[in-house]
Amino acid sequence: MFYLIFQALSKSRATSSTSQSQLPNSFSVCRTLPPLRDQHDTPYYRSKYPWVRVLPSHGHIKASIQISDFRVVETTDLETEHAEYMYLIEMRLDGRYFSRWRRFSAIARFVGLLDKNEFQQSLEVWQLATGKSSRQEVAGSIGWRSTTCTELPEEFAHALLAECSNAHLPAELLEYS
C-alpha cells in the first residue's frame, strides 16, 4: 500500500509522547476525571496500553483532548483508490501528553462501539460531522471543509471527554485503529 499526503493544514506533531516543555498550550476543553470505582471500573494498571498503566486509579486525573490537525491522504493499491482524512488526536492525562494520527475510518469504527444510551451527546455531534459529507459540498466549499474536517470532529472529542467517567475510553480513541 502506498500513502501520499496531499495537504497538511498546520504543523504536525506526530510523536507518541512529549516532554513537559513541548506541551501544546491550546487545549480548550479540560476536565477532572474522578477516581475509579473499585467494584465497577477496571484499574488503570490493567490497561492494554502501557502509557495508561501509569495513571493513578484512586486519584483525580486532569484530562484534556483536542483534534488539532488533519491531512488528506490517498491510498492506492490494486483493489481501491480513494482519499481519506487523517486526524491528529492530542490528549493530556495527568500532566502527560500523547498524540496519534488516526484515519477517519478508524474513528468511525470506534464510534460504532459507543453505547447509544451512555454517549448520546457524542453520537449526536458525530452525526453532524458525518451527515454533511456529500461530494458536492466537499468539492464546492472551503467553509464546509473547515467546519467538517476540524471543528465537528473536535466537538465530538470534547463531548466524549465530557461524557466519560474515566480515562479508558479516551485512551481507546487515541489507540483504536
N, C-alpha and C. Protein backbone atom coordinates (compact mmCIF):
# COMPACT_ATOMS: atom_id res chain seq x y z
N MET A 1 0.83 -1.17 0.00
CA MET A 1 0.00 0.00 0.00
C MET A 1 0.88 1.24 0.00
N PHE A 2 0.47 2.26 -0.70
CA PHE A 2 1.25 3.48 -0.83
C PHE A 2 0.41 4.65 -0.30
N TYR A 3 0.99 5.49 0.53
CA TYR A 3 0.28 6.64 1.08
C TYR A 3 0.95 7.91 0.59
N LEU A 4 0.16 8.82 0.09
CA LEU A 4 0.67 10.10 -0.37
C LEU A 4 -0.09 11.19 0.35
N ILE A 5 0.62 12.09 0.99
CA ILE A 5 -0.04 13.18 1.71
C ILE A 5 -0.24 14.34 0.75
N PHE A 6 -1.49 14.75 0.56
CA PHE A 6 -1.81 15.86 -0.32
C PHE A 6 -1.70 17.20 0.38
N GLN A 7 -2.13 17.26 1.62
CA GLN A 7 -2.31 18.56 2.24
C GLN A 7 -2.15 18.43 3.74
N ALA A 8 -1.46 19.37 4.34
CA ALA A 8 -1.42 19.46 5.80
C ALA A 8 -1.74 20.91 6.14
N LEU A 9 -2.73 21.13 6.97
CA LEU A 9 -3.21 22.48 7.21
C LEU A 9 -2.48 23.20 8.33
N SER A 10 -1.81 22.49 9.20
CA SER A 10 -1.00 23.14 10.21
C SER A 10 0.16 22.22 10.55
N LYS A 11 1.10 22.72 11.33
CA LYS A 11 2.28 21.90 11.61
C LYS A 11 1.86 20.63 12.33
N SER A 12 2.52 19.55 12.03
CA SER A 12 2.13 18.27 12.63
C SER A 12 3.05 17.92 13.77
N ARG A 13 2.44 17.32 14.80
CA ARG A 13 3.17 16.81 15.95
C ARG A 13 2.74 15.36 16.10
N ALA A 14 3.44 14.45 15.48
CA ALA A 14 3.01 13.06 15.45
C ALA A 14 3.76 12.19 16.44
N THR A 15 4.31 12.77 17.45
CA THR A 15 5.04 11.98 18.44
C THR A 15 4.06 11.30 19.37
N SER A 16 4.49 10.19 19.94
CA SER A 16 3.60 9.46 20.83
C SER A 16 3.64 9.99 22.25
N SER A 17 4.73 10.56 22.66
CA SER A 17 4.85 11.12 23.99
C SER A 17 5.81 12.29 23.91
N THR A 18 5.52 13.36 24.62
CA THR A 18 6.30 14.57 24.51
C THR A 18 6.67 15.07 25.89
N SER A 19 7.81 15.72 25.99
CA SER A 19 8.23 16.25 27.29
C SER A 19 7.35 17.42 27.70
N GLN A 20 7.38 17.75 28.98
CA GLN A 20 6.55 18.81 29.54
C GLN A 20 6.80 20.14 28.83
N SER A 21 8.03 20.45 28.45
CA SER A 21 8.34 21.74 27.83
C SER A 21 7.78 21.85 26.43
N GLN A 22 7.42 20.73 25.79
CA GLN A 22 6.90 20.76 24.44
C GLN A 22 5.38 20.64 24.37
N LEU A 23 4.71 20.66 25.51
CA LEU A 23 3.26 20.50 25.52
C LEU A 23 2.57 21.68 24.84
N PRO A 24 1.58 21.40 23.99
CA PRO A 24 0.82 22.49 23.41
C PRO A 24 -0.03 23.16 24.48
N ASN A 25 -0.20 24.46 24.36
CA ASN A 25 -0.98 25.22 25.34
C ASN A 25 -2.39 25.50 24.87
N SER A 26 -2.80 24.94 23.75
CA SER A 26 -4.05 25.32 23.12
C SER A 26 -5.24 24.44 23.50
N PHE A 27 -5.13 23.58 24.49
CA PHE A 27 -6.27 22.75 24.88
C PHE A 27 -7.38 23.65 25.42
N SER A 28 -8.56 23.60 24.80
CA SER A 28 -9.63 24.49 25.21
C SER A 28 -10.63 23.82 26.15
N VAL A 29 -10.72 22.51 26.13
CA VAL A 29 -11.66 21.80 26.99
C VAL A 29 -10.86 20.88 27.91
N CYS A 30 -11.03 21.10 29.20
CA CYS A 30 -10.35 20.28 30.21
C CYS A 30 -11.38 19.86 31.24
N ARG A 31 -11.14 18.74 31.87
CA ARG A 31 -12.00 18.31 32.97
C ARG A 31 -11.18 17.43 33.90
N THR A 32 -11.73 17.18 35.05
CA THR A 32 -11.10 16.28 36.01
C THR A 32 -11.90 14.99 36.06
N LEU A 33 -11.23 13.89 35.77
CA LEU A 33 -11.88 12.58 35.85
C LEU A 33 -11.81 12.09 37.29
N PRO A 34 -12.91 11.55 37.81
CA PRO A 34 -12.92 11.10 39.21
C PRO A 34 -12.10 9.82 39.39
N PRO A 35 -11.79 9.48 40.63
CA PRO A 35 -11.11 8.20 40.89
C PRO A 35 -11.97 7.04 40.41
N LEU A 36 -11.34 5.94 40.05
CA LEU A 36 -12.08 4.76 39.61
C LEU A 36 -12.87 4.16 40.76
N ARG A 37 -14.01 3.58 40.43
CA ARG A 37 -14.82 2.87 41.43
C ARG A 37 -14.33 1.43 41.48
N ASP A 38 -13.93 0.99 42.65
CA ASP A 38 -13.29 -0.33 42.80
C ASP A 38 -14.11 -1.48 42.22
N GLN A 39 -15.41 -1.47 42.43
CA GLN A 39 -16.23 -2.60 42.01
C GLN A 39 -16.64 -2.54 40.55
N HIS A 40 -16.61 -1.36 39.94
CA HIS A 40 -17.17 -1.21 38.60
C HIS A 40 -16.15 -0.94 37.50
N ASP A 41 -15.04 -0.32 37.83
CA ASP A 41 -14.08 0.10 36.81
C ASP A 41 -12.82 -0.76 36.82
N THR A 42 -12.29 -0.99 35.64
CA THR A 42 -11.01 -1.70 35.51
C THR A 42 -9.89 -0.78 35.95
N PRO A 43 -9.02 -1.22 36.86
CA PRO A 43 -7.90 -0.36 37.28
C PRO A 43 -7.00 -0.02 36.09
N TYR A 44 -6.43 1.17 36.13
CA TYR A 44 -5.58 1.59 35.02
C TYR A 44 -4.38 0.67 34.84
N TYR A 45 -3.86 0.10 35.91
CA TYR A 45 -2.68 -0.76 35.78
C TYR A 45 -2.98 -2.03 34.99
N ARG A 46 -4.26 -2.32 34.72
CA ARG A 46 -4.63 -3.47 33.90
C ARG A 46 -4.91 -3.09 32.44
N SER A 47 -4.67 -1.87 32.07
CA SER A 47 -4.92 -1.42 30.70
C SER A 47 -4.03 -2.16 29.71
N LYS A 48 -4.54 -2.32 28.50
CA LYS A 48 -3.71 -2.95 27.46
C LYS A 48 -2.69 -1.97 26.88
N TYR A 49 -2.78 -0.69 27.26
CA TYR A 49 -1.85 0.32 26.77
C TYR A 49 -0.87 0.69 27.87
N PRO A 50 0.42 0.50 27.65
CA PRO A 50 1.41 0.77 28.70
C PRO A 50 1.35 2.19 29.25
N TRP A 51 1.07 3.17 28.41
CA TRP A 51 1.06 4.55 28.87
C TRP A 51 -0.13 4.85 29.78
N VAL A 52 -1.18 4.04 29.75
CA VAL A 52 -2.33 4.23 30.64
C VAL A 52 -2.05 3.59 32.01
N ARG A 53 -1.22 2.58 32.03
CA ARG A 53 -0.94 1.85 33.27
C ARG A 53 -0.32 2.73 34.35
N VAL A 54 0.28 3.85 33.98
CA VAL A 54 0.93 4.72 34.98
C VAL A 54 -0.05 5.70 35.63
N LEU A 55 -1.28 5.76 35.15
CA LEU A 55 -2.26 6.69 35.72
C LEU A 55 -2.72 6.20 37.09
N PRO A 56 -2.99 7.12 38.01
CA PRO A 56 -3.45 6.72 39.34
C PRO A 56 -4.93 6.31 39.32
N SER A 57 -5.22 5.11 39.76
CA SER A 57 -6.60 4.62 39.77
C SER A 57 -7.43 5.23 40.90
N HIS A 58 -6.78 5.66 41.99
CA HIS A 58 -7.51 6.15 43.16
C HIS A 58 -7.35 7.65 43.37
N GLY A 59 -7.00 8.37 42.32
CA GLY A 59 -6.88 9.81 42.42
C GLY A 59 -7.58 10.48 41.25
N HIS A 60 -7.81 11.77 41.37
CA HIS A 60 -8.40 12.54 40.28
C HIS A 60 -7.35 12.72 39.18
N ILE A 61 -7.82 12.74 37.93
CA ILE A 61 -6.93 12.90 36.78
C ILE A 61 -7.40 14.10 35.97
N LYS A 62 -6.52 15.04 35.74
CA LYS A 62 -6.82 16.15 34.84
C LYS A 62 -6.72 15.62 33.42
N ALA A 63 -7.75 15.90 32.62
CA ALA A 63 -7.80 15.37 31.26
C ALA A 63 -8.20 16.46 30.28
N SER A 64 -7.59 16.44 29.11
CA SER A 64 -7.97 17.32 28.02
C SER A 64 -7.72 16.59 26.71
N ILE A 65 -8.49 16.96 25.70
CA ILE A 65 -8.37 16.31 24.40
C ILE A 65 -8.67 17.33 23.32
N GLN A 66 -8.03 17.17 22.18
CA GLN A 66 -8.32 18.03 21.04
C GLN A 66 -7.94 17.30 19.76
N ILE A 67 -8.55 17.72 18.67
CA ILE A 67 -8.16 17.28 17.34
C ILE A 67 -7.69 18.53 16.64
N SER A 68 -6.39 18.67 16.52
CA SER A 68 -5.81 19.96 16.13
C SER A 68 -5.39 20.04 14.68
N ASP A 69 -5.42 18.95 13.95
CA ASP A 69 -4.88 18.97 12.60
C ASP A 69 -5.54 17.86 11.80
N PHE A 70 -5.56 18.02 10.49
CA PHE A 70 -5.99 16.92 9.65
C PHE A 70 -5.19 16.94 8.36
N ARG A 71 -5.14 15.80 7.72
CA ARG A 71 -4.47 15.63 6.44
C ARG A 71 -5.41 14.87 5.51
N VAL A 72 -5.21 15.08 4.23
CA VAL A 72 -5.91 14.27 3.24
C VAL A 72 -4.87 13.32 2.67
N VAL A 73 -5.15 12.03 2.74
CA VAL A 73 -4.21 11.03 2.23
C VAL A 73 -4.88 10.22 1.14
N GLU A 74 -4.08 9.80 0.18
CA GLU A 74 -4.57 8.95 -0.89
C GLU A 74 -4.03 7.55 -0.66
N THR A 75 -4.89 6.59 -0.73
CA THR A 75 -4.49 5.19 -0.62
C THR A 75 -4.63 4.58 -2.00
N THR A 76 -3.56 4.03 -2.49
CA THR A 76 -3.63 3.35 -3.79
C THR A 76 -3.11 1.94 -3.63
N ASP A 77 -3.90 1.02 -4.04
CA ASP A 77 -3.47 -0.37 -4.15
C ASP A 77 -4.25 -0.98 -5.31
N LEU A 78 -4.14 -2.26 -5.50
CA LEU A 78 -4.77 -2.89 -6.65
C LEU A 78 -6.29 -2.89 -6.58
N GLU A 79 -6.84 -2.89 -5.38
CA GLU A 79 -8.29 -3.01 -5.24
C GLU A 79 -9.02 -1.68 -5.14
N THR A 80 -8.44 -0.71 -4.45
CA THR A 80 -9.14 0.56 -4.24
C THR A 80 -8.20 1.73 -4.45
N GLU A 81 -8.79 2.83 -4.77
CA GLU A 81 -8.05 4.08 -4.84
C GLU A 81 -8.99 5.16 -4.33
N HIS A 82 -8.64 5.78 -3.21
CA HIS A 82 -9.51 6.79 -2.63
C HIS A 82 -8.69 7.72 -1.74
N ALA A 83 -9.31 8.79 -1.35
CA ALA A 83 -8.68 9.72 -0.40
C ALA A 83 -9.43 9.61 0.92
N GLU A 84 -8.71 9.84 2.00
CA GLU A 84 -9.33 9.77 3.32
C GLU A 84 -8.66 10.78 4.23
N TYR A 85 -9.43 11.30 5.18
CA TYR A 85 -8.89 12.22 6.16
C TYR A 85 -8.19 11.47 7.27
N MET A 86 -7.09 12.06 7.75
CA MET A 86 -6.42 11.58 8.96
C MET A 86 -6.45 12.74 9.94
N TYR A 87 -6.68 12.44 11.20
CA TYR A 87 -6.77 13.46 12.24
C TYR A 87 -5.68 13.26 13.27
N LEU A 88 -5.14 14.38 13.76
CA LEU A 88 -4.18 14.33 14.86
C LEU A 88 -4.97 14.49 16.15
N ILE A 89 -5.06 13.40 16.91
CA ILE A 89 -5.76 13.42 18.20
C ILE A 89 -4.71 13.63 19.26
N GLU A 90 -4.88 14.68 20.06
CA GLU A 90 -3.95 15.00 21.13
C GLU A 90 -4.68 14.92 22.46
N MET A 91 -3.99 14.35 23.44
CA MET A 91 -4.62 14.19 24.74
C MET A 91 -3.58 14.45 25.83
N ARG A 92 -4.05 15.07 26.89
CA ARG A 92 -3.22 15.24 28.08
C ARG A 92 -3.95 14.58 29.24
N LEU A 93 -3.27 13.63 29.89
CA LEU A 93 -3.84 12.93 31.05
C LEU A 93 -2.84 13.01 32.19
N ASP A 94 -3.26 13.55 33.30
CA ASP A 94 -2.43 13.62 34.50
C ASP A 94 -1.06 14.25 34.20
N GLY A 95 -1.06 15.29 33.36
CA GLY A 95 0.17 16.00 33.03
C GLY A 95 1.01 15.37 31.94
N ARG A 96 0.58 14.25 31.38
CA ARG A 96 1.33 13.58 30.32
C ARG A 96 0.65 13.85 28.98
N TYR A 97 1.44 14.09 27.94
CA TYR A 97 0.93 14.42 26.62
C TYR A 97 1.09 13.22 25.68
N PHE A 98 0.03 12.92 24.94
CA PHE A 98 0.05 11.83 23.97
C PHE A 98 -0.64 12.29 22.70
N SER A 99 -0.16 11.83 21.56
CA SER A 99 -0.82 12.17 20.30
C SER A 99 -0.64 11.03 19.31
N ARG A 100 -1.63 10.90 18.43
CA ARG A 100 -1.60 9.88 17.38
C ARG A 100 -2.35 10.42 16.17
N TRP A 101 -1.87 10.05 14.99
CA TRP A 101 -2.63 10.28 13.77
C TRP A 101 -3.59 9.10 13.60
N ARG A 102 -4.85 9.39 13.35
CA ARG A 102 -5.85 8.34 13.16
C ARG A 102 -6.69 8.65 11.93
N ARG A 103 -6.98 7.60 11.16
CA ARG A 103 -7.82 7.74 9.97
C ARG A 103 -9.28 7.97 10.38
N PHE A 104 -9.99 8.67 9.52
CA PHE A 104 -11.41 8.90 9.74
C PHE A 104 -12.14 7.57 9.90
N SER A 105 -11.81 6.59 9.08
CA SER A 105 -12.49 5.29 9.15
C SER A 105 -12.25 4.59 10.49
N ALA A 106 -11.07 4.75 11.07
CA ALA A 106 -10.80 4.15 12.39
C ALA A 106 -11.63 4.84 13.47
N ILE A 107 -11.75 6.16 13.37
CA ILE A 107 -12.57 6.89 14.34
C ILE A 107 -14.04 6.47 14.18
N ALA A 108 -14.48 6.30 12.93
CA ALA A 108 -15.86 5.87 12.69
C ALA A 108 -16.12 4.48 13.28
N ARG A 109 -15.16 3.57 13.16
CA ARG A 109 -15.32 2.24 13.78
C ARG A 109 -15.38 2.36 15.30
N PHE A 110 -14.55 3.23 15.86
CA PHE A 110 -14.58 3.47 17.31
C PHE A 110 -15.95 3.98 17.74
N VAL A 111 -16.50 4.93 17.00
CA VAL A 111 -17.81 5.50 17.33
C VAL A 111 -18.88 4.41 17.32
N GLY A 112 -18.75 3.44 16.43
CA GLY A 112 -19.69 2.33 16.37
C GLY A 112 -19.72 1.48 17.63
N LEU A 113 -18.67 1.56 18.44
CA LEU A 113 -18.60 0.80 19.69
C LEU A 113 -19.25 1.51 20.87
N LEU A 114 -19.57 2.79 20.72
CA LEU A 114 -20.11 3.57 21.83
C LEU A 114 -21.54 3.15 22.17
N ASP A 115 -21.84 3.10 23.44
CA ASP A 115 -23.18 2.79 23.94
C ASP A 115 -24.11 3.96 23.62
N LYS A 116 -25.19 3.68 22.90
CA LYS A 116 -26.10 4.74 22.46
C LYS A 116 -26.80 5.46 23.60
N ASN A 117 -26.98 4.80 24.73
CA ASN A 117 -27.63 5.43 25.88
C ASN A 117 -26.66 6.24 26.72
N GLU A 118 -25.43 5.81 26.79
CA GLU A 118 -24.44 6.46 27.65
C GLU A 118 -23.75 7.65 26.99
N PHE A 119 -23.64 7.63 25.67
CA PHE A 119 -22.88 8.67 24.95
C PHE A 119 -23.74 9.38 23.91
N GLN A 120 -24.92 9.82 24.33
CA GLN A 120 -25.87 10.44 23.41
C GLN A 120 -25.33 11.72 22.78
N GLN A 121 -24.73 12.59 23.57
CA GLN A 121 -24.21 13.86 23.05
C GLN A 121 -23.07 13.61 22.07
N SER A 122 -22.18 12.71 22.39
CA SER A 122 -21.06 12.39 21.49
C SER A 122 -21.57 11.87 20.16
N LEU A 123 -22.54 10.98 20.21
CA LEU A 123 -23.09 10.41 18.99
C LEU A 123 -23.86 11.44 18.17
N GLU A 124 -24.52 12.36 18.85
CA GLU A 124 -25.23 13.43 18.15
C GLU A 124 -24.25 14.32 17.38
N VAL A 125 -23.16 14.69 18.03
CA VAL A 125 -22.14 15.51 17.37
C VAL A 125 -21.50 14.74 16.22
N TRP A 126 -21.27 13.45 16.41
CA TRP A 126 -20.68 12.64 15.34
C TRP A 126 -21.62 12.59 14.13
N GLN A 127 -22.93 12.50 14.37
CA GLN A 127 -23.89 12.52 13.26
C GLN A 127 -23.78 13.82 12.47
N LEU A 128 -23.59 14.94 13.16
CA LEU A 128 -23.39 16.21 12.46
C LEU A 128 -22.13 16.17 11.62
N ALA A 129 -21.07 15.58 12.15
CA ALA A 129 -19.79 15.53 11.44
C ALA A 129 -19.86 14.66 10.20
N THR A 130 -20.65 13.61 10.24
CA THR A 130 -20.70 12.68 9.11
C THR A 130 -21.92 12.90 8.21
N GLY A 131 -22.91 13.62 8.67
CA GLY A 131 -24.14 13.78 7.90
C GLY A 131 -24.07 14.80 6.80
N LYS A 132 -23.01 15.58 6.73
CA LYS A 132 -22.93 16.65 5.73
C LYS A 132 -21.78 16.41 4.75
N SER A 133 -21.50 15.16 4.44
CA SER A 133 -20.30 14.89 3.66
C SER A 133 -20.59 14.50 2.21
N SER A 134 -21.56 15.14 1.59
CA SER A 134 -21.81 14.81 0.19
C SER A 134 -20.67 15.33 -0.68
N ARG A 135 -20.47 14.69 -1.81
CA ARG A 135 -19.36 15.08 -2.70
C ARG A 135 -19.51 16.51 -3.20
N GLN A 136 -20.74 16.97 -3.41
CA GLN A 136 -20.94 18.34 -3.88
C GLN A 136 -20.42 19.33 -2.85
N GLU A 137 -20.71 19.09 -1.59
CA GLU A 137 -20.26 20.01 -0.55
C GLU A 137 -18.75 19.97 -0.42
N VAL A 138 -18.15 18.79 -0.55
CA VAL A 138 -16.70 18.67 -0.44
C VAL A 138 -16.03 19.46 -1.56
N ALA A 139 -16.54 19.30 -2.77
CA ALA A 139 -15.92 19.94 -3.91
C ALA A 139 -16.13 21.45 -3.92
N GLY A 140 -17.25 21.91 -3.37
CA GLY A 140 -17.59 23.29 -3.57
C GLY A 140 -17.37 24.27 -2.45
N SER A 141 -16.99 23.83 -1.28
CA SER A 141 -17.00 24.77 -0.17
C SER A 141 -15.79 24.61 0.74
N ILE A 142 -14.99 25.64 0.79
CA ILE A 142 -13.87 25.66 1.74
C ILE A 142 -14.41 25.76 3.15
N GLY A 143 -15.49 26.50 3.35
CA GLY A 143 -16.11 26.60 4.67
C GLY A 143 -16.60 25.26 5.17
N TRP A 144 -17.18 24.45 4.27
CA TRP A 144 -17.60 23.10 4.67
C TRP A 144 -16.40 22.30 5.15
N ARG A 145 -15.30 22.37 4.40
CA ARG A 145 -14.12 21.59 4.77
C ARG A 145 -13.59 22.02 6.13
N SER A 146 -13.56 23.32 6.38
CA SER A 146 -13.07 23.81 7.67
C SER A 146 -13.95 23.31 8.81
N THR A 147 -15.26 23.42 8.64
CA THR A 147 -16.18 23.00 9.70
C THR A 147 -16.16 21.50 9.89
N THR A 148 -16.32 20.76 8.81
CA THR A 148 -16.44 19.31 8.92
C THR A 148 -15.13 18.64 9.27
N CYS A 149 -14.04 19.15 8.76
CA CYS A 149 -12.76 18.47 8.96
C CYS A 149 -12.07 18.84 10.26
N THR A 150 -12.40 19.97 10.84
CA THR A 150 -11.70 20.35 12.07
C THR A 150 -12.65 20.57 13.23
N GLU A 151 -13.66 21.40 13.06
CA GLU A 151 -14.50 21.79 14.19
C GLU A 151 -15.39 20.65 14.70
N LEU A 152 -16.10 19.97 13.82
CA LEU A 152 -17.03 18.93 14.27
C LEU A 152 -16.32 17.72 14.88
N PRO A 153 -15.24 17.21 14.29
CA PRO A 153 -14.53 16.11 14.97
C PRO A 153 -13.99 16.52 16.34
N GLU A 154 -13.53 17.76 16.46
CA GLU A 154 -13.04 18.20 17.77
C GLU A 154 -14.20 18.33 18.76
N GLU A 155 -15.36 18.81 18.30
CA GLU A 155 -16.53 18.86 19.19
C GLU A 155 -16.92 17.45 19.64
N PHE A 156 -16.78 16.46 18.75
CA PHE A 156 -17.04 15.08 19.13
C PHE A 156 -16.09 14.65 20.25
N ALA A 157 -14.81 14.94 20.10
CA ALA A 157 -13.82 14.56 21.13
C ALA A 157 -14.13 15.24 22.45
N HIS A 158 -14.54 16.51 22.41
CA HIS A 158 -14.89 17.23 23.64
C HIS A 158 -16.12 16.60 24.30
N ALA A 159 -17.15 16.28 23.49
CA ALA A 159 -18.36 15.66 24.05
C ALA A 159 -18.03 14.30 24.65
N LEU A 160 -17.17 13.54 23.99
CA LEU A 160 -16.78 12.24 24.52
C LEU A 160 -16.08 12.39 25.87
N LEU A 161 -15.17 13.33 25.97
CA LEU A 161 -14.46 13.56 27.23
C LEU A 161 -15.44 13.96 28.33
N ALA A 162 -16.42 14.80 27.99
CA ALA A 162 -17.40 15.24 28.98
C ALA A 162 -18.27 14.09 29.47
N GLU A 163 -18.56 13.13 28.61
CA GLU A 163 -19.44 12.02 28.98
C GLU A 163 -18.70 10.83 29.60
N CYS A 164 -17.39 10.82 29.55
CA CYS A 164 -16.61 9.69 30.10
C CYS A 164 -16.53 9.77 31.62
N SER A 165 -16.53 8.61 32.25
CA SER A 165 -16.37 8.57 33.70
C SER A 165 -14.94 8.22 34.10
N ASN A 166 -14.11 7.83 33.12
CA ASN A 166 -12.71 7.52 33.39
C ASN A 166 -11.89 7.69 32.11
N ALA A 167 -10.60 7.41 32.17
CA ALA A 167 -9.70 7.65 31.04
C ALA A 167 -9.62 6.49 30.06
N HIS A 168 -10.29 5.39 30.32
CA HIS A 168 -10.17 4.23 29.43
C HIS A 168 -10.70 4.52 28.02
N LEU A 169 -11.85 5.15 27.89
CA LEU A 169 -12.43 5.38 26.57
C LEU A 169 -11.64 6.42 25.76
N PRO A 170 -11.24 7.56 26.33
CA PRO A 170 -10.39 8.46 25.54
C PRO A 170 -9.08 7.78 25.10
N ALA A 171 -8.53 6.92 25.95
CA ALA A 171 -7.32 6.18 25.56
C ALA A 171 -7.62 5.25 24.39
N GLU A 172 -8.78 4.64 24.42
CA GLU A 172 -9.17 3.75 23.32
C GLU A 172 -9.32 4.53 22.02
N LEU A 173 -9.89 5.73 22.08
CA LEU A 173 -9.99 6.59 20.89
C LEU A 173 -8.61 6.87 20.33
N LEU A 174 -7.68 7.18 21.19
CA LEU A 174 -6.32 7.51 20.75
C LEU A 174 -5.64 6.31 20.11
N GLU A 175 -5.90 5.12 20.58
CA GLU A 175 -5.19 3.92 20.11
C GLU A 175 -5.95 3.10 19.07
N TYR A 176 -7.24 3.34 18.91
CA TYR A 176 -8.06 2.49 18.04
C TYR A 176 -7.61 2.60 16.59
N SER A 177 -7.48 1.47 15.94
CA SER A 177 -7.09 1.50 14.52
C SER A 177 -7.93 0.56 13.69
